[in-house]
Amino acid sequence: MYKFFWRITKFDPTNRIKGVYKNEEWTSISEVGRVFSAEKFLLEHYLETESLYITAINLIMNENNLNTIQVVDLEKYYFDVEKAEFRDIYTDEMKSVYNSVKNGDYISMYELKLLSQLILREKIWCKFQSREMFVHFGFDYYMYIGSVKECKDSLIKISSSGLFVESFESPYLEE
């Protein structure tokens, strides 16, 4: 099964004391407009970080030679795009995949991107899995990935992007 496990986040692990993150940073799209460390958190900052997370998933999928992955434990939350904050960032494709995805579906990398965006924006939740890897999203913008491969090249690229990679087993992993 999976041999390698990582927590991949925007959070610098040197800012944790006994496992608790000590700096006040944004953890949700709902915090756009708030001030963190004397800087206003803008939608463009959110979208840049979201893109880094999705790129990290794609890198590890590519290193595992995957172009599809399965949706597991899908939960959909009420989502009316017309009433959504920042509704302009929700594409027709995103709305379509939200409405059509079902638990157990095998999805393309493009659909994975759309679903990951919806997860990070707190509109759905699910896990992605295959024999080669899994992706889990946790609270407060945490992401966990496991793989049968070490994925050294991907991890170097992910770390260079500004995200932090730590060896860490997903708390959402089922035995």
C-alpha atoms as a PDB file:
ATOM      1  CA  MET A   1       0.000   0.000   0.000  1.00  0.00           C
ATOM      2  CA  TYR A   2       1.182   3.573   0.587  1.00  0.00           C
ATOM      3  CA  LYS A   3       4.744   3.930   1.854  1.00  0.00           C
ATOM      4  CA  PHE A   4       5.181   7.710   1.916  1.00  0.00           C
ATOM      5  CA  PHE A   5       2.978  10.270   3.650  1.00  0.00           C
ATOM      6  CA  TRP A   6       3.131  14.057   3.660  1.00  0.00           C
ATOM      7  CA  ARG A   7       1.355  17.054   5.066  1.00  0.00           C
ATOM      8  CA  ILE A   8       1.631  19.748   2.406  1.00  0.00           C
ATOM      9  CA  THR A   9       0.543  23.220   3.480  1.00  0.00           C
ATOM     10  CA  LYS A  10       1.176  26.933   3.322  1.00  0.00           C
ATOM     11  CA  PHE A  11       2.084  26.824   7.020  1.00  0.00           C
ATOM     12  CA  ASP A  12       5.763  26.980   8.013  1.00  0.00           C
ATOM     13  CA  PRO A  13       6.338  24.100  10.462  1.00  0.00           C
ATOM     14  CA  THR A  14       8.887  26.163  12.412  1.00  0.00           C
ATOM     15  CA  ASN A  15       5.901  28.205  13.630  1.00  0.00           C
ATOM     16  CA  ARG A  16       4.415  25.229  15.500  1.00  0.00           C
ATOM     17  CA  ILE A  17       4.837  24.691  19.224  1.00  0.00           C
ATOM     18  CA  LYS A  18       3.933  21.156  20.359  1.00  0.00           C
ATOM     19  CA  GLY A  19       1.961  20.671  17.158  1.00  0.00           C
ATOM     20  CA  VAL A  20      -0.035  23.907  17.457  1.00  0.00           C
ATOM     21  CA  TYR A  21       0.480  26.657  14.894  1.00  0.00           C
ATOM     22  CA  LYS A  22       1.330  29.862  16.762  1.00  0.00           C
ATOM     23  CA  ASN A  23       0.985  32.508  14.021  1.00  0.00           C
ATOM     24  CA  GLU A  24      -2.359  33.972  13.059  1.00  0.00           C
ATOM     25  CA  GLU A  25      -2.835  33.254   9.353  1.00  0.00           C
ATOM     26  CA  TRP A  26      -5.832  32.852   7.109  1.00  0.00           C
ATOM     27  CA  THR A  27      -7.330  29.374   6.921  1.00  0.00           C
ATOM     28  CA  SER A  28     -10.387  29.914   4.720  1.00  0.00           C
ATOM     29  CA  ILE A  29     -11.617  31.826   1.686  1.00  0.00           C
ATOM     30  CA  SER A  30     -14.187  33.381   4.041  1.00  0.00           C
ATOM     31  CA  GLU A  31     -11.351  35.399   5.588  1.00  0.00           C
ATOM     32  CA  VAL A  32     -10.632  37.374   2.402  1.00  0.00           C
ATOM     33  CA  GLY A  33     -10.626  41.042   3.366  1.00  0.00           C
ATOM     34  CA  ARG A  34      -9.307  40.474   6.900  1.00  0.00           C
ATOM     35  CA  VAL A  35      -5.900  41.702   8.010  1.00  0.00           C
ATOM     36  CA  PHE A  36      -3.145  39.228   8.926  1.00  0.00           C
ATOM     37  CA  SER A  37       0.336  40.389   9.966  1.00  0.00           C
ATOM     38  CA  ALA A  38      -0.582  43.980   9.046  1.00  0.00           C
ATOM     39  CA  GLU A  39      -1.482  42.955   5.481  1.00  0.00           C
ATOM     40  CA  LYS A  40      -4.949  42.727   3.968  1.00  0.00           C
ATOM     41  CA  PHE A  41      -5.732  39.225   2.731  1.00  0.00           C
ATOM     42  CA  LEU A  42      -6.869  39.626  -0.877  1.00  0.00           C
ATOM     43  CA  LEU A  43      -8.761  37.239  -3.140  1.00  0.00           C
ATOM     44  CA  GLU A  44      -5.772  37.105  -5.492  1.00  0.00           C
ATOM     45  CA  HIS A  45      -3.571  35.862  -2.609  1.00  0.00           C
ATOM     46  CA  TYR A  46      -6.132  33.173  -1.881  1.00  0.00           C
ATOM     47  CA  LEU A  47      -6.285  32.074  -5.536  1.00  0.00           C
ATOM     48  CA  GLU A  48      -2.474  31.949  -5.799  1.00  0.00           C
ATOM     49  CA  THR A  49      -2.254  29.641  -2.781  1.00  0.00           C
ATOM     50  CA  GLU A  50      -5.131  27.483  -4.004  1.00  0.00           C
ATOM     51  CA  SER A  51      -3.293  27.070  -7.306  1.00  0.00           C
ATOM     52  CA  LEU A  52      -0.128  25.931  -5.494  1.00  0.00           C
ATOM     53  CA  TYR A  53      -2.062  23.190  -3.705  1.00  0.00           C
ATOM     54  CA  ILE A  54      -3.558  21.929  -6.963  1.00  0.00           C
ATOM     55  CA  THR A  55      -0.164  22.023  -8.680  1.00  0.00           C
ATOM     56  CA  ALA A  56       1.245  19.929  -5.807  1.00  0.00           C
ATOM     57  CA  ILE A  57      -1.436  17.281  -6.362  1.00  0.00           C
ATOM     58  CA  ASN A  58      -0.804  17.263 -10.111  1.00  0.00           C
ATOM     59  CA  LEU A  59       2.950  16.858  -9.646  1.00  0.00           C
ATOM     60  CA  ILE A  60       2.521  13.795  -7.449  1.00  0.00           C
ATOM     61  CA  MET A  61      -0.150  12.343  -9.751  1.00  0.00           C
ATOM     62  CA  ASN A  62       2.197  12.779 -12.712  1.00  0.00           C
ATOM     63  CA  GLU A  63       5.086  11.160 -10.857  1.00  0.00           C
ATOM     64  CA  ASN A  64       2.759   8.211 -10.153  1.00  0.00           C
ATOM     65  CA  ASN A  65       1.750   8.102 -13.849  1.00  0.00           C
ATOM     66  CA  LEU A  66      -1.914   8.732 -13.012  1.00  0.00           C
ATOM     67  CA  ASN A  67      -4.470  10.595 -15.079  1.00  0.00           C
ATOM     68  CA  THR A  68      -7.572   9.548 -13.101  1.00  0.00           C
ATOM     69  CA  ILE A  69      -8.369   9.143  -9.428  1.00  0.00           C
ATOM     70  CA  GLN A  70     -11.436   8.026  -7.485  1.00  0.00           C
ATOM     71  CA  VAL A  71     -13.764  10.233  -5.408  1.00  0.00           C
ATOM     72  CA  VAL A  72     -14.397   8.690  -1.966  1.00  0.00           C
ATOM     73  CA  ASP A  73     -16.578   9.751   1.002  1.00  0.00           C
ATOM     74  CA  LEU A  74     -18.160  12.634  -0.920  1.00  0.00           C
ATOM     75  CA  GLU A  75     -20.075  15.247   1.078  1.00  0.00           C
ATOM     76  CA  LYS A  76     -21.833  18.100  -0.710  1.00  0.00           C
ATOM     77  CA  TYR A  77     -22.816  21.216   1.193  1.00  0.00           C
ATOM     78  CA  TYR A  78     -25.589  23.534   0.080  1.00  0.00           C
ATOM     79  CA  PHE A  79     -24.121  25.724  -2.625  1.00  0.00           C
ATOM     80  CA  ASP A  80     -26.039  28.409  -4.512  1.00  0.00           C
ATOM     81  CA  VAL A  81     -23.450  30.019  -6.762  1.00  0.00           C
ATOM     82  CA  GLU A  82     -25.660  33.065  -7.302  1.00  0.00           C
ATOM     83  CA  LYS A  83     -25.520  33.756  -3.563  1.00  0.00           C
ATOM     84  CA  ALA A  84     -21.902  32.707  -3.110  1.00  0.00           C
ATOM     85  CA  GLU A  85     -19.360  35.224  -1.976  1.00  0.00           C
ATOM     86  CA  PHE A  86     -16.911  35.843  -4.848  1.00  0.00           C
ATOM     87  CA  ARG A  87     -19.350  34.173  -7.272  1.00  0.00           C
ATOM     88  CA  ASP A  88     -17.222  35.249 -10.239  1.00  0.00           C
ATOM     89  CA  ILE A  89     -14.586  32.645  -9.334  1.00  0.00           C
ATOM     90  CA  TYR A  90     -17.043  29.774  -9.825  1.00  0.00           C
ATOM     91  CA  THR A  91     -16.963  28.666 -13.467  1.00  0.00           C
ATOM     92  CA  ASP A  92     -19.715  26.851 -15.340  1.00  0.00           C
ATOM     93  CA  GLU A  93     -17.466  23.767 -15.391  1.00  0.00           C
ATOM     94  CA  MET A  94     -17.113  23.952 -11.613  1.00  0.00           C
ATOM     95  CA  LYS A  95     -20.898  24.180 -11.179  1.00  0.00           C
ATOM     96  CA  SER A  96     -21.352  21.248 -13.562  1.00  0.00           C
ATOM     97  CA  VAL A  97     -18.890  18.972 -11.764  1.00  0.00           C
ATOM     98  CA  TYR A  98     -20.434  19.962  -8.410  1.00  0.00           C
ATOM     99  CA  ASN A  99     -23.859  18.864  -9.667  1.00  0.00           C
ATOM    100  CA  SER A 100     -22.715  15.679 -11.422  1.00  0.00           C
ATOM    101  CA  VAL A 101     -19.983  14.114  -9.257  1.00  0.00           C
ATOM    102  CA  LYS A 102     -20.939  11.036  -7.264  1.00  0.00           C
ATOM    103  CA  ASN A 103     -19.174   8.989  -4.646  1.00  0.00           C
ATOM    104  CA  GLY A 104     -17.037   6.339  -6.354  1.00  0.00           C
ATOM    105  CA  ASP A 105     -16.602   8.282  -9.603  1.00  0.00           C
ATOM    106  CA  TYR A 106     -13.248   8.148 -11.349  1.00  0.00           C
ATOM    107  CA  ILE A 107     -12.336  11.665 -12.377  1.00  0.00           C
ATOM    108  CA  SER A 108      -9.809  13.282 -14.713  1.00  0.00           C
ATOM    109  CA  MET A 109      -7.052  15.609 -13.563  1.00  0.00           C
ATOM    110  CA  TYR A 110      -9.134  18.558 -14.774  1.00  0.00           C
ATOM    111  CA  GLU A 111     -12.136  17.428 -12.717  1.00  0.00           C
ATOM    112  CA  LEU A 112      -9.789  16.875  -9.776  1.00  0.00           C
ATOM    113  CA  LYS A 113      -8.683  20.496 -10.110  1.00  0.00           C
ATOM    114  CA  LEU A 114     -12.288  21.716 -10.036  1.00  0.00           C
ATOM    115  CA  LEU A 115     -13.253  19.489  -7.114  1.00  0.00           C
ATOM    116  CA  SER A 116     -10.115  20.476  -5.184  1.00  0.00           C
ATOM    117  CA  GLN A 117     -11.047  24.123  -5.647  1.00  0.00           C
ATOM    118  CA  LEU A 118     -14.535  23.397  -4.309  1.00  0.00           C
ATOM    119  CA  ILE A 119     -13.065  21.517  -1.333  1.00  0.00           C
ATOM    120  CA  LEU A 120     -10.617  24.301  -0.512  1.00  0.00           C
ATOM    121  CA  ARG A 121     -13.498  26.804  -0.838  1.00  0.00           C
ATOM    122  CA  GLU A 122     -15.532  24.671   1.593  1.00  0.00           C
ATOM    123  CA  LYS A 123     -18.362  23.775  -0.820  1.00  0.00           C
ATOM    124  CA  ILE A 124     -17.788  19.997  -0.793  1.00  0.00           C
ATOM    125  CA  TRP A 125     -15.537  17.503   0.933  1.00  0.00           C
ATOM    126  CA  CYS A 126     -14.189  14.179  -0.258  1.00  0.00           C
ATOM    127  CA  LYS A 127     -11.040  12.126  -0.452  1.00  0.00           C
ATOM    128  CA  PHE A 128      -9.277  11.154  -3.659  1.00  0.00           C
ATOM    129  CA  GLN A 129      -7.622   7.762  -3.916  1.00  0.00           C
ATOM    130  CA  SER A 130      -6.063   5.196  -6.188  1.00  0.00           C
ATOM    131  CA  ARG A 131      -3.758   2.251  -5.586  1.00  0.00           C
ATOM    132  CA  GLU A 132      -0.786   4.576  -6.121  1.00  0.00           C
ATOM    133  CA  MET A 133      -1.747   7.626  -4.059  1.00  0.00           C
ATOM    134  CA  PHE A 134      -4.374   9.472  -2.049  1.00  0.00           C
ATOM    135  CA  VAL A 135      -5.234  13.109  -1.350  1.00  0.00           C
ATOM    136  CA  HIS A 136      -7.073  14.224   1.792  1.00  0.00           C
ATOM    137  CA  PHE A 137      -7.997  17.743   2.820  1.00  0.00           C
ATOM    138  CA  GLY A 138      -8.276  18.685   6.468  1.00  0.00           C
ATOM    139  CA  PHE A 139      -9.522  21.648   8.424  1.00  0.00           C
ATOM    140  CA  ASP A 140      -7.756  25.001   8.218  1.00  0.00           C
ATOM    141  CA  TYR A 141      -6.290  24.509   4.746  1.00  0.00           C
ATOM    142  CA  TYR A 142      -4.304  21.365   5.514  1.00  0.00           C
ATOM    143  CA  MET A 143      -3.651  18.802   2.777  1.00  0.00           C
ATOM    144  CA  TYR A 144      -2.346  15.258   3.172  1.00  0.00           C
ATOM    145  CA  ILE A 145      -0.969  13.101   0.382  1.00  0.00           C
ATOM    146  CA  GLY A 146       0.250   9.527   0.439  1.00  0.00           C
ATOM    147  CA  SER A 147       2.008   7.606  -2.302  1.00  0.00           C
ATOM    148  CA  VAL A 148       3.590   4.279  -3.112  1.00  0.00           C
ATOM    149  CA  LYS A 149       6.481   6.261  -4.628  1.00  0.00           C
ATOM    150  CA  GLU A 150       8.883   8.575  -2.858  1.00  0.00           C
ATOM    151  CA  CYS A 151       8.188  11.404  -5.359  1.00  0.00           C
ATOM    152  CA  LYS A 152      11.454  13.248  -4.610  1.00  0.00           C
ATOM    153  CA  ASP A 153      11.289  15.388  -7.763  1.00  0.00           C
ATOM    154  CA  SER A 154       7.726  16.476  -7.020  1.00  0.00           C
ATOM    155  CA  LEU A 155       8.505  17.277  -3.393  1.00  0.00           C
ATOM    156  CA  ILE A 156      11.453  19.467  -4.409  1.00  0.00           C
ATOM    157  CA  LYS A 157       9.209  21.403  -6.817  1.00  0.00           C
ATOM    158  CA  ILE A 158       6.452  21.713  -4.216  1.00  0.00           C
ATOM    159  CA  SER A 159       8.893  23.010  -1.581  1.00  0.00           C
ATOM    160  CA  SER A 160      10.362  25.450  -4.105  1.00  0.00           C
ATOM    161  CA  SER A 161       6.865  26.797  -4.831  1.00  0.00           C
ATOM    162  CA  GLY A 162       6.531  28.129  -1.290  1.00  0.00           C
ATOM    163  CA  LEU A 163       4.513  25.306   0.227  1.00  0.00           C
ATOM    164  CA  PHE A 164       5.894  23.264   3.107  1.00  0.00           C
ATOM    165  CA  VAL A 165       6.248  19.484   2.945  1.00  0.00           C
ATOM    166  CA  GLU A 166       6.421  17.434   6.135  1.00  0.00           C
ATOM    167  CA  SER A 167       6.455  13.677   6.639  1.00  0.00           C
ATOM    168  CA  PHE A 168       3.076  13.150   8.245  1.00  0.00           C
ATOM    169  CA  GLU A 169       0.407  10.446   8.041  1.00  0.00           C
ATOM    170  CA  SER A 170      -3.090  11.647   7.196  1.00  0.00           C
ATOM    171  CA  PRO A 171      -5.528  11.688  10.112  1.00  0.00           C
ATOM    172  CA  TYR A 172      -8.194  10.753   7.525  1.00  0.00           C
ATOM    173  CA  LEU A 173      -6.477   7.524   6.498  1.00  0.00           C
ATOM    174  CA  GLU A 174      -8.580   4.436   7.094  1.00  0.00           C
ATOM    175  CA  GLU A 175      -6.904   1.213   8.103  1.00  0.00           C
END
